[in-house]
Amino acid sequence: MSTPLKFSRQRESIKEYLKSTKEHPTADMVYQHVRQIYPKVSLGTVYRNLNLLVELGEINKVDCGDGYDHFDGNIGPHYHVVCNKCGTVYDLEMESIDHINVIAEAHFKGKITGHMVMFRGICEKCLEEDN
């Protein structure tokens, strides 16, 4: 039996920030935000709390291929698209493509239990800047 997790104002602040933004901030961006509220918070504390929240399933970690972990407070099913020009990560609300699990399992001798999909493209803002 595990002991209940002790309440942490900093952890709650991290969670609230991630749930309130459509951005997919890096740990450093989260740290900069939390420091405005708790100036003495350390970067290590932010990293530990981000990883704990991911482990608890309260936030998601998104690998965008840029060498940084990005974090998402939206834990509901959805996909992401990354702009090839500016690197911004966007939520992509679309119908589920869970049927790809069945297709993948037809080509795999084990059992497929899920998938991660990251779309890439050029965002509307970057397209407008090019015109």
N, C-alpha and C. Protein backbone atom coordinates (compact mmCIF):
# COMPACT_ATOMS: atom_id res chain seq x y z
N MET A 1 0.85 -1.19 0.00
CA MET A 1 0.00 0.00 0.00
C MET A 1 0.88 1.25 0.00
N SER A 2 0.70 2.11 -0.99
CA SER A 2 1.54 3.30 -1.08
C SER A 2 0.95 4.43 -0.24
N THR A 3 1.84 5.29 0.22
CA THR A 3 1.39 6.42 1.02
C THR A 3 0.84 7.49 0.09
N PRO A 4 -0.17 8.23 0.54
CA PRO A 4 -0.74 9.28 -0.31
C PRO A 4 0.31 10.36 -0.60
N LEU A 5 0.21 10.95 -1.77
CA LEU A 5 1.14 11.98 -2.20
C LEU A 5 0.87 13.26 -1.42
N LYS A 6 1.93 13.82 -0.86
CA LYS A 6 1.82 15.08 -0.12
C LYS A 6 1.47 16.22 -1.07
N PHE A 7 0.58 17.08 -0.67
CA PHE A 7 0.18 18.23 -1.47
C PHE A 7 1.37 19.17 -1.68
N SER A 8 1.51 19.69 -2.87
CA SER A 8 2.58 20.64 -3.19
C SER A 8 1.98 21.80 -3.98
N ARG A 9 2.16 23.01 -3.47
CA ARG A 9 1.65 24.20 -4.18
C ARG A 9 2.33 24.35 -5.54
N GLN A 10 3.66 24.06 -5.56
CA GLN A 10 4.38 24.18 -6.83
C GLN A 10 3.84 23.20 -7.86
N ARG A 11 3.60 21.94 -7.45
CA ARG A 11 3.09 20.92 -8.36
C ARG A 11 1.71 21.32 -8.87
N GLU A 12 0.86 21.82 -7.98
CA GLU A 12 -0.47 22.27 -8.39
C GLU A 12 -0.37 23.44 -9.37
N SER A 13 0.59 24.33 -9.15
CA SER A 13 0.79 25.47 -10.04
C SER A 13 1.22 24.99 -11.43
N ILE A 14 2.08 24.00 -11.49
CA ILE A 14 2.52 23.42 -12.76
C ILE A 14 1.33 22.82 -13.49
N LYS A 15 0.55 22.04 -12.77
CA LYS A 15 -0.61 21.37 -13.36
C LYS A 15 -1.64 22.39 -13.87
N GLU A 16 -1.92 23.40 -13.07
CA GLU A 16 -2.88 24.43 -13.46
C GLU A 16 -2.40 25.18 -14.71
N TYR A 17 -1.12 25.50 -14.74
CA TYR A 17 -0.56 26.20 -15.91
C TYR A 17 -0.73 25.35 -17.17
N LEU A 18 -0.37 24.08 -17.09
CA LEU A 18 -0.45 23.21 -18.26
C LEU A 18 -1.89 22.99 -18.71
N LYS A 19 -2.82 22.95 -17.78
CA LYS A 19 -4.23 22.76 -18.14
C LYS A 19 -4.83 24.05 -18.73
N SER A 20 -4.20 25.19 -18.46
CA SER A 20 -4.75 26.47 -18.91
C SER A 20 -4.17 26.96 -20.23
N THR A 21 -3.17 26.24 -20.77
CA THR A 21 -2.53 26.72 -21.99
C THR A 21 -2.69 25.72 -23.13
N LYS A 22 -2.78 26.25 -24.34
CA LYS A 22 -2.80 25.40 -25.54
C LYS A 22 -1.38 25.16 -26.03
N GLU A 23 -0.43 25.92 -25.48
CA GLU A 23 0.97 25.70 -25.84
C GLU A 23 1.41 24.35 -25.28
N HIS A 24 2.52 23.88 -25.75
CA HIS A 24 3.10 22.64 -25.26
C HIS A 24 4.50 22.99 -24.77
N PRO A 25 4.57 23.63 -23.59
CA PRO A 25 5.84 24.21 -23.14
C PRO A 25 6.89 23.15 -22.77
N THR A 26 8.15 23.58 -22.88
CA THR A 26 9.26 22.76 -22.40
C THR A 26 9.35 22.93 -20.88
N ALA A 27 10.18 22.12 -20.25
CA ALA A 27 10.36 22.22 -18.80
C ALA A 27 10.87 23.62 -18.42
N ASP A 28 11.75 24.18 -19.24
CA ASP A 28 12.28 25.51 -18.94
C ASP A 28 11.19 26.57 -19.01
N MET A 29 10.30 26.44 -19.98
CA MET A 29 9.18 27.38 -20.09
C MET A 29 8.26 27.27 -18.88
N VAL A 30 8.01 26.03 -18.44
CA VAL A 30 7.19 25.82 -17.24
C VAL A 30 7.89 26.45 -16.03
N TYR A 31 9.18 26.23 -15.93
CA TYR A 31 9.97 26.80 -14.83
C TYR A 31 9.85 28.32 -14.80
N GLN A 32 9.99 28.96 -15.97
CA GLN A 32 9.88 30.42 -16.03
C GLN A 32 8.51 30.90 -15.56
N HIS A 33 7.47 30.16 -15.92
CA HIS A 33 6.11 30.52 -15.50
C HIS A 33 5.95 30.36 -13.97
N VAL A 34 6.36 29.21 -13.46
CA VAL A 34 6.18 28.91 -12.03
C VAL A 34 7.01 29.88 -11.17
N ARG A 35 8.17 30.29 -11.67
CA ARG A 35 9.01 31.24 -10.92
C ARG A 35 8.33 32.57 -10.69
N GLN A 36 7.41 32.94 -11.57
CA GLN A 36 6.68 34.20 -11.38
C GLN A 36 5.80 34.13 -10.14
N ILE A 37 5.35 32.92 -9.80
CA ILE A 37 4.49 32.73 -8.64
C ILE A 37 5.30 32.34 -7.41
N TYR A 38 6.28 31.46 -7.62
CA TYR A 38 7.15 30.97 -6.55
C TYR A 38 8.60 31.24 -6.93
N PRO A 39 9.10 32.46 -6.65
CA PRO A 39 10.43 32.87 -7.11
C PRO A 39 11.58 31.97 -6.63
N LYS A 40 11.39 31.27 -5.54
CA LYS A 40 12.48 30.44 -5.00
C LYS A 40 12.45 29.00 -5.50
N VAL A 41 11.50 28.66 -6.37
CA VAL A 41 11.41 27.29 -6.87
C VAL A 41 12.64 27.00 -7.73
N SER A 42 13.16 25.78 -7.63
CA SER A 42 14.34 25.41 -8.43
C SER A 42 13.90 24.69 -9.71
N LEU A 43 14.79 24.72 -10.70
CA LEU A 43 14.54 24.01 -11.95
C LEU A 43 14.41 22.51 -11.67
N GLY A 44 15.21 21.99 -10.75
CA GLY A 44 15.13 20.58 -10.38
C GLY A 44 13.77 20.20 -9.82
N THR A 45 13.19 21.08 -9.02
CA THR A 45 11.86 20.83 -8.46
C THR A 45 10.82 20.77 -9.58
N VAL A 46 10.94 21.66 -10.54
CA VAL A 46 10.01 21.66 -11.67
C VAL A 46 10.15 20.37 -12.47
N TYR A 47 11.39 19.98 -12.77
CA TYR A 47 11.62 18.72 -13.51
C TYR A 47 11.04 17.53 -12.76
N ARG A 48 11.32 17.43 -11.46
CA ARG A 48 10.81 16.30 -10.67
C ARG A 48 9.29 16.25 -10.69
N ASN A 49 8.66 17.42 -10.53
CA ASN A 49 7.20 17.47 -10.51
C ASN A 49 6.60 17.18 -11.87
N LEU A 50 7.23 17.65 -12.93
CA LEU A 50 6.74 17.32 -14.28
C LEU A 50 6.79 15.82 -14.50
N ASN A 51 7.91 15.20 -14.15
CA ASN A 51 8.04 13.75 -14.34
C ASN A 51 7.06 12.99 -13.46
N LEU A 52 6.82 13.46 -12.25
CA LEU A 52 5.85 12.82 -11.36
C LEU A 52 4.45 12.93 -11.93
N LEU A 53 4.08 14.11 -12.43
CA LEU A 53 2.75 14.30 -13.01
C LEU A 53 2.55 13.42 -14.25
N VAL A 54 3.61 13.24 -15.04
CA VAL A 54 3.54 12.33 -16.19
C VAL A 54 3.31 10.91 -15.69
N GLU A 55 4.10 10.51 -14.69
CA GLU A 55 3.99 9.16 -14.12
C GLU A 55 2.60 8.90 -13.55
N LEU A 56 2.00 9.92 -12.96
CA LEU A 56 0.65 9.79 -12.38
C LEU A 56 -0.45 9.87 -13.44
N GLY A 57 -0.07 10.20 -14.68
CA GLY A 57 -1.06 10.31 -15.76
C GLY A 57 -1.86 11.59 -15.73
N GLU A 58 -1.35 12.61 -15.02
CA GLU A 58 -2.09 13.87 -14.91
C GLU A 58 -1.72 14.87 -16.00
N ILE A 59 -0.58 14.64 -16.66
CA ILE A 59 -0.16 15.42 -17.82
C ILE A 59 0.51 14.45 -18.79
N ASN A 60 0.74 14.91 -20.01
CA ASN A 60 1.45 14.09 -21.00
C ASN A 60 2.78 14.73 -21.36
N LYS A 61 3.74 13.88 -21.68
CA LYS A 61 5.03 14.32 -22.22
C LYS A 61 4.97 14.07 -23.72
N VAL A 62 5.33 15.09 -24.49
CA VAL A 62 5.27 15.00 -25.94
C VAL A 62 6.67 15.17 -26.52
N ASP A 63 7.14 14.16 -27.26
CA ASP A 63 8.44 14.23 -27.92
C ASP A 63 8.22 14.75 -29.33
N CYS A 64 8.72 15.95 -29.58
CA CYS A 64 8.51 16.60 -30.88
C CYS A 64 9.70 16.45 -31.80
N GLY A 65 10.71 15.72 -31.35
CA GLY A 65 11.89 15.50 -32.18
C GLY A 65 12.85 16.68 -32.20
N ASP A 66 12.67 17.64 -31.28
CA ASP A 66 13.56 18.80 -31.26
C ASP A 66 14.59 18.73 -30.13
N GLY A 67 14.63 17.59 -29.44
CA GLY A 67 15.58 17.43 -28.35
C GLY A 67 15.06 17.88 -27.00
N TYR A 68 13.85 18.39 -26.96
CA TYR A 68 13.24 18.86 -25.71
C TYR A 68 11.96 18.08 -25.45
N ASP A 69 11.69 17.81 -24.18
CA ASP A 69 10.39 17.27 -23.82
C ASP A 69 9.42 18.44 -23.73
N HIS A 70 8.26 18.28 -24.32
CA HIS A 70 7.19 19.26 -24.21
C HIS A 70 6.10 18.63 -23.36
N PHE A 71 5.33 19.45 -22.68
CA PHE A 71 4.33 18.93 -21.76
C PHE A 71 2.95 19.45 -22.15
N ASP A 72 1.96 18.60 -21.92
CA ASP A 72 0.59 18.88 -22.35
C ASP A 72 -0.37 18.56 -21.21
N GLY A 73 -1.16 19.53 -20.82
CA GLY A 73 -2.15 19.32 -19.77
C GLY A 73 -3.41 18.64 -20.26
N ASN A 74 -3.56 18.54 -21.58
CA ASN A 74 -4.73 17.87 -22.16
C ASN A 74 -4.42 16.38 -22.25
N ILE A 75 -5.00 15.60 -21.33
CA ILE A 75 -4.71 14.16 -21.31
C ILE A 75 -5.75 13.35 -22.06
N GLY A 76 -6.73 14.03 -22.64
CA GLY A 76 -7.73 13.34 -23.46
C GLY A 76 -7.13 12.90 -24.77
N PRO A 77 -7.79 11.96 -25.46
CA PRO A 77 -7.24 11.49 -26.74
C PRO A 77 -7.21 12.61 -27.78
N HIS A 78 -6.05 12.86 -28.31
CA HIS A 78 -5.87 13.82 -29.40
C HIS A 78 -4.48 13.64 -29.99
N TYR A 79 -4.26 14.25 -31.13
CA TYR A 79 -2.99 14.14 -31.83
C TYR A 79 -2.31 15.51 -31.88
N HIS A 80 -1.07 15.52 -32.32
CA HIS A 80 -0.30 16.75 -32.40
C HIS A 80 0.28 16.93 -33.79
N VAL A 81 0.48 18.18 -34.15
CA VAL A 81 1.19 18.53 -35.38
C VAL A 81 2.25 19.56 -35.00
N VAL A 82 3.46 19.37 -35.56
CA VAL A 82 4.58 20.28 -35.31
C VAL A 82 4.89 21.02 -36.60
N CYS A 83 5.02 22.34 -36.48
CA CYS A 83 5.37 23.15 -37.65
C CYS A 83 6.85 22.95 -37.96
N ASN A 84 7.15 22.63 -39.22
CA ASN A 84 8.53 22.42 -39.66
C ASN A 84 9.35 23.71 -39.66
N LYS A 85 8.68 24.86 -39.71
CA LYS A 85 9.40 26.13 -39.79
C LYS A 85 9.64 26.75 -38.42
N CYS A 86 8.58 26.91 -37.62
CA CYS A 86 8.72 27.60 -36.33
C CYS A 86 8.82 26.66 -35.14
N GLY A 87 8.48 25.38 -35.34
CA GLY A 87 8.59 24.40 -34.27
C GLY A 87 7.43 24.39 -33.29
N THR A 88 6.42 25.19 -33.52
CA THR A 88 5.27 25.23 -32.63
C THR A 88 4.52 23.91 -32.69
N VAL A 89 4.05 23.46 -31.52
CA VAL A 89 3.28 22.22 -31.42
C VAL A 89 1.81 22.60 -31.26
N TYR A 90 0.96 22.01 -32.08
CA TYR A 90 -0.48 22.29 -32.03
C TYR A 90 -1.24 21.02 -31.72
N ASP A 91 -2.35 21.17 -30.99
CA ASP A 91 -3.29 20.07 -30.83
C ASP A 91 -4.03 19.90 -32.15
N LEU A 92 -4.26 18.67 -32.53
CA LEU A 92 -4.98 18.37 -33.76
C LEU A 92 -6.21 17.56 -33.35
N GLU A 93 -7.34 18.25 -33.29
CA GLU A 93 -8.58 17.58 -32.92
C GLU A 93 -9.16 16.94 -34.17
N MET A 94 -9.19 15.63 -34.18
CA MET A 94 -9.69 14.90 -35.34
C MET A 94 -10.23 13.56 -34.87
N GLU A 95 -10.90 12.88 -35.77
CA GLU A 95 -11.42 11.55 -35.44
C GLU A 95 -10.26 10.63 -35.09
N SER A 96 -10.51 9.68 -34.21
CA SER A 96 -9.50 8.71 -33.80
C SER A 96 -9.04 7.87 -34.98
N ILE A 97 -7.78 7.55 -34.99
CA ILE A 97 -7.24 6.64 -36.00
C ILE A 97 -6.75 5.35 -35.33
N ASP A 98 -7.45 4.95 -34.27
CA ASP A 98 -7.09 3.74 -33.54
C ASP A 98 -7.07 2.50 -34.41
N HIS A 99 -7.75 2.54 -35.56
CA HIS A 99 -7.76 1.37 -36.45
C HIS A 99 -6.35 1.03 -36.95
N ILE A 100 -5.40 1.97 -36.84
CA ILE A 100 -4.04 1.64 -37.27
C ILE A 100 -3.41 0.59 -36.36
N ASN A 101 -3.93 0.46 -35.14
CA ASN A 101 -3.42 -0.60 -34.24
C ASN A 101 -3.69 -1.97 -34.85
N VAL A 102 -4.86 -2.15 -35.44
CA VAL A 102 -5.23 -3.43 -36.06
C VAL A 102 -4.34 -3.68 -37.28
N ILE A 103 -4.13 -2.64 -38.08
CA ILE A 103 -3.28 -2.76 -39.26
C ILE A 103 -1.85 -3.12 -38.85
N ALA A 104 -1.33 -2.43 -37.83
CA ALA A 104 0.03 -2.70 -37.36
C ALA A 104 0.15 -4.11 -36.79
N GLU A 105 -0.85 -4.55 -36.06
CA GLU A 105 -0.80 -5.88 -35.45
C GLU A 105 -0.77 -6.98 -36.52
N ALA A 106 -1.35 -6.72 -37.68
CA ALA A 106 -1.33 -7.69 -38.77
C ALA A 106 0.10 -7.90 -39.29
N HIS A 107 1.00 -6.96 -38.98
CA HIS A 107 2.38 -7.04 -39.46
C HIS A 107 3.37 -7.24 -38.32
N PHE A 108 2.88 -7.62 -37.15
CA PHE A 108 3.70 -7.74 -35.95
C PHE A 108 3.35 -9.04 -35.25
N LYS A 109 4.36 -9.81 -34.86
CA LYS A 109 4.09 -11.11 -34.26
C LYS A 109 3.70 -11.02 -32.79
N GLY A 110 3.72 -9.83 -32.22
CA GLY A 110 3.32 -9.63 -30.83
C GLY A 110 1.93 -9.01 -30.75
N LYS A 111 1.72 -8.21 -29.72
CA LYS A 111 0.43 -7.55 -29.52
C LYS A 111 0.64 -6.04 -29.50
N ILE A 112 -0.07 -5.32 -30.33
CA ILE A 112 -0.02 -3.85 -30.35
C ILE A 112 -0.96 -3.34 -29.27
N THR A 113 -0.46 -2.46 -28.41
CA THR A 113 -1.29 -1.93 -27.31
C THR A 113 -1.60 -0.45 -27.45
N GLY A 114 -1.04 0.20 -28.45
CA GLY A 114 -1.31 1.62 -28.64
C GLY A 114 -0.39 2.18 -29.71
N HIS A 115 -0.49 3.49 -29.91
CA HIS A 115 0.34 4.15 -30.90
C HIS A 115 0.58 5.60 -30.50
N MET A 116 1.63 6.17 -31.05
CA MET A 116 1.91 7.60 -30.91
C MET A 116 2.08 8.14 -32.33
N VAL A 117 1.35 9.19 -32.64
CA VAL A 117 1.41 9.78 -33.98
C VAL A 117 1.75 11.26 -33.82
N MET A 118 2.75 11.70 -34.57
CA MET A 118 3.11 13.11 -34.60
C MET A 118 3.07 13.54 -36.06
N PHE A 119 2.18 14.45 -36.38
CA PHE A 119 2.10 14.98 -37.74
C PHE A 119 3.06 16.17 -37.85
N ARG A 120 3.58 16.37 -39.04
CA ARG A 120 4.47 17.50 -39.31
C ARG A 120 3.88 18.28 -40.47
N GLY A 121 4.12 19.58 -40.49
CA GLY A 121 3.62 20.42 -41.57
C GLY A 121 4.10 21.84 -41.40
N ILE A 122 3.43 22.76 -42.04
CA ILE A 122 3.74 24.18 -41.90
C ILE A 122 2.47 24.87 -41.42
N CYS A 123 2.58 25.58 -40.30
CA CYS A 123 1.40 26.20 -39.69
C CYS A 123 0.90 27.38 -40.52
N GLU A 124 -0.32 27.77 -40.24
CA GLU A 124 -0.98 28.86 -40.95
C GLU A 124 -0.16 30.16 -40.88
N LYS A 125 0.39 30.45 -39.70
CA LYS A 125 1.16 31.68 -39.51
C LYS A 125 2.40 31.69 -40.41
N CYS A 126 3.12 30.57 -40.47
CA CYS A 126 4.31 30.48 -41.31
C CYS A 126 3.96 30.52 -42.79
N LEU A 127 2.83 29.91 -43.15
CA LEU A 127 2.40 29.97 -44.55
C LEU A 127 2.11 31.40 -44.97
N GLU A 128 1.44 32.18 -44.07
CA GLU A 128 1.13 33.57 -44.37
C GLU A 128 2.39 34.41 -44.48
N GLU A 129 3.40 34.12 -43.66
CA GLU A 129 4.67 34.87 -43.70
C GLU A 129 5.40 34.63 -45.01
N ASP A 130 5.21 33.45 -45.61
CA ASP A 130 5.88 33.12 -46.87
C ASP A 130 5.23 33.80 -48.07
N ASN A 131 4.01 34.28 -47.90
CA ASN A 131 3.30 34.93 -49.03
C ASN A 131 3.50 36.42 -49.04
